[in-house]
C-alpha atoms as a PDB file:
ATOM      1  CA  MET A   1      88.579-120.396-184.472  1.00  0.00           C
ATOM      2  CA  ARG A   2      84.986-120.683-182.389  1.00  0.00           C
ATOM      3  CA  LEU A   3      83.194-118.928-184.091  1.00  0.00           C
ATOM      4  CA  ASN A   4      80.163-119.468-181.578  1.00  0.00           C
ATOM      5  CA  ASN A   5      81.198-117.747-179.029  1.00  0.00           C
ATOM      6  CA  LEU A   6      80.491-114.795-181.791  1.00  0.00           C
ATOM      7  CA  LYS A   7      77.131-115.438-182.084  1.00  0.00           C
ATOM      8  CA  PRO A   8      75.518-113.759-178.930  1.00  0.00           C
ATOM      9  CA  ALA A   9      78.013-109.876-180.339  1.00  0.00           C
ATOM     10  CA  TRP A  10      76.496-110.740-184.068  1.00  0.00           C
ATOM     11  CA  LYS A  11      73.402-111.019-182.319  1.00  0.00           C
ATOM     12  CA  GLN A  12      74.025-107.956-180.720  1.00  0.00           C
ATOM     13  CA  LEU A  13      75.672-105.995-183.841  1.00  0.00           C
ATOM     14  CA  LYS A  14      72.619-107.122-186.549  1.00  0.00           C
ATOM     15  CA  VAL A  15      69.692-106.092-183.545  1.00  0.00           C
ATOM     16  CA  LEU A  16      70.689-101.585-183.643  1.00  0.00           C
ATOM     17  CA  ASN A  17      71.574-102.285-187.270  1.00  0.00           C
ATOM     18  CA  ALA A  18      68.396-102.760-187.166  1.00  0.00           C
ATOM     19  CA  MET A  19      67.309 -99.893-184.897  1.00  0.00           C
ATOM     20  CA  GLY A  20      66.714 -96.387-186.969  1.00  0.00           C
ATOM     21  CA  GLN A  21      68.659 -94.436-186.425  1.00  0.00           C
ATOM     22  CA  MET A  22      66.933 -91.160-184.665  1.00  0.00           C
ATOM     23  CA  GLY A  23      67.242 -87.402-185.370  1.00  0.00           C
ATOM     24  CA  SER A  24      67.947 -84.206-182.503  1.00  0.00           C
ATOM     25  CA  GLU A  25      64.318 -83.521-182.802  1.00  0.00           C
ATOM     26  CA  GLU A  26      63.304 -86.406-181.541  1.00  0.00           C
ATOM     27  CA  ILE A  27      65.628 -86.943-179.087  1.00  0.00           C
ATOM     28  CA  LEU A  28      64.910 -83.049-178.149  1.00  0.00           C
ATOM     29  CA  SER A  29      61.743 -84.057-177.897  1.00  0.00           C
ATOM     30  CA  ILE A  30      61.794 -86.539-176.424  1.00  0.00           C
ATOM     31  CA  ILE A  31      63.988 -85.083-173.196  1.00  0.00           C
ATOM     32  CA  VAL A  32      61.186 -82.301-173.307  1.00  0.00           C
ATOM     33  CA  ASP A  33      58.343 -85.244-172.484  1.00  0.00           C
ATOM     34  CA  SER A  34      60.082 -85.920-169.314  1.00  0.00           C
ATOM     35  CA  GLU A  35      60.520 -82.786-167.635  1.00  0.00           C
ATOM     36  CA  THR A  36      56.772 -83.071-168.193  1.00  0.00           C
ATOM     37  CA  THR A  37      55.960 -86.337-166.972  1.00  0.00           C
ATOM     38  CA  ASP A  38      58.865 -85.150-163.638  1.00  0.00           C
ATOM     39  CA  LYS A  39      56.124 -82.305-163.044  1.00  0.00           C
ATOM     40  CA  SER A  40      53.103 -84.495-163.397  1.00  0.00           C
ATOM     41  CA  LYS A  41      55.055 -86.659-161.049  1.00  0.00           C
ATOM     42  CA  LEU A  42      55.058 -84.323-158.150  1.00  0.00           C
ATOM     43  CA  GLN A  43      51.220 -83.418-158.489  1.00  0.00           C
ATOM     44  CA  ARG A  44      50.504 -87.039-158.716  1.00  0.00           C
ATOM     45  CA  GLU A  45      52.995 -87.889-155.453  1.00  0.00           C
ATOM     46  CA  LEU A  46      51.663 -84.638-153.582  1.00  0.00           C
ATOM     47  CA  PHE A  47      48.316 -85.341-153.817  1.00  0.00           C
ATOM     48  CA  ASN A  48      48.180 -89.062-153.064  1.00  0.00           C
ATOM     49  CA  LEU A  49      50.367 -87.842-149.309  1.00  0.00           C
ATOM     50  CA  VAL A  50      47.682 -85.308-149.453  1.00  0.00           C
ATOM     51  CA  MET A  51      45.275 -89.432-149.420  1.00  0.00           C
ATOM     52  CA  PHE A  52      47.206 -90.948-147.033  1.00  0.00           C
ATOM     53  CA  ILE A  53      47.144 -88.004-144.448  1.00  0.00           C
ATOM     54  CA  PHE A  54      43.333 -87.348-145.495  1.00  0.00           C
ATOM     55  CA  ILE A  55      42.804 -91.338-145.041  1.00  0.00           C
ATOM     56  CA  THR A  56      44.912 -91.441-141.386  1.00  0.00           C
ATOM     57  CA  ILE A  57      43.118 -88.460-139.264  1.00  0.00           C
ATOM     58  CA  PHE A  58      39.313 -88.856-140.254  1.00  0.00           C
ATOM     59  CA  CYS A  59      39.235 -92.906-141.330  1.00  0.00           C
ATOM     60  CA  GLN A  60      40.098 -93.901-138.140  1.00  0.00           C
ATOM     61  CA  GLY A  61      38.592 -97.134-136.221  1.00  0.00           C
ATOM     62  CA  GLY A  62      37.268 -96.541-132.537  1.00  0.00           C
END
């Protein structure tokens, strides 16, 4: 039997067992944080669009 083929699976199992279990409250807080991040990402993208339009219109060389 070749045990070398089991090394990657054994390493993955050790890593998974070393990680702590997450509670439902922790999972829910991650989901809520990601929703607020989406809103701020939209605001950043809109701001970047406005700045791009401003620079394109008013800062043209001529």
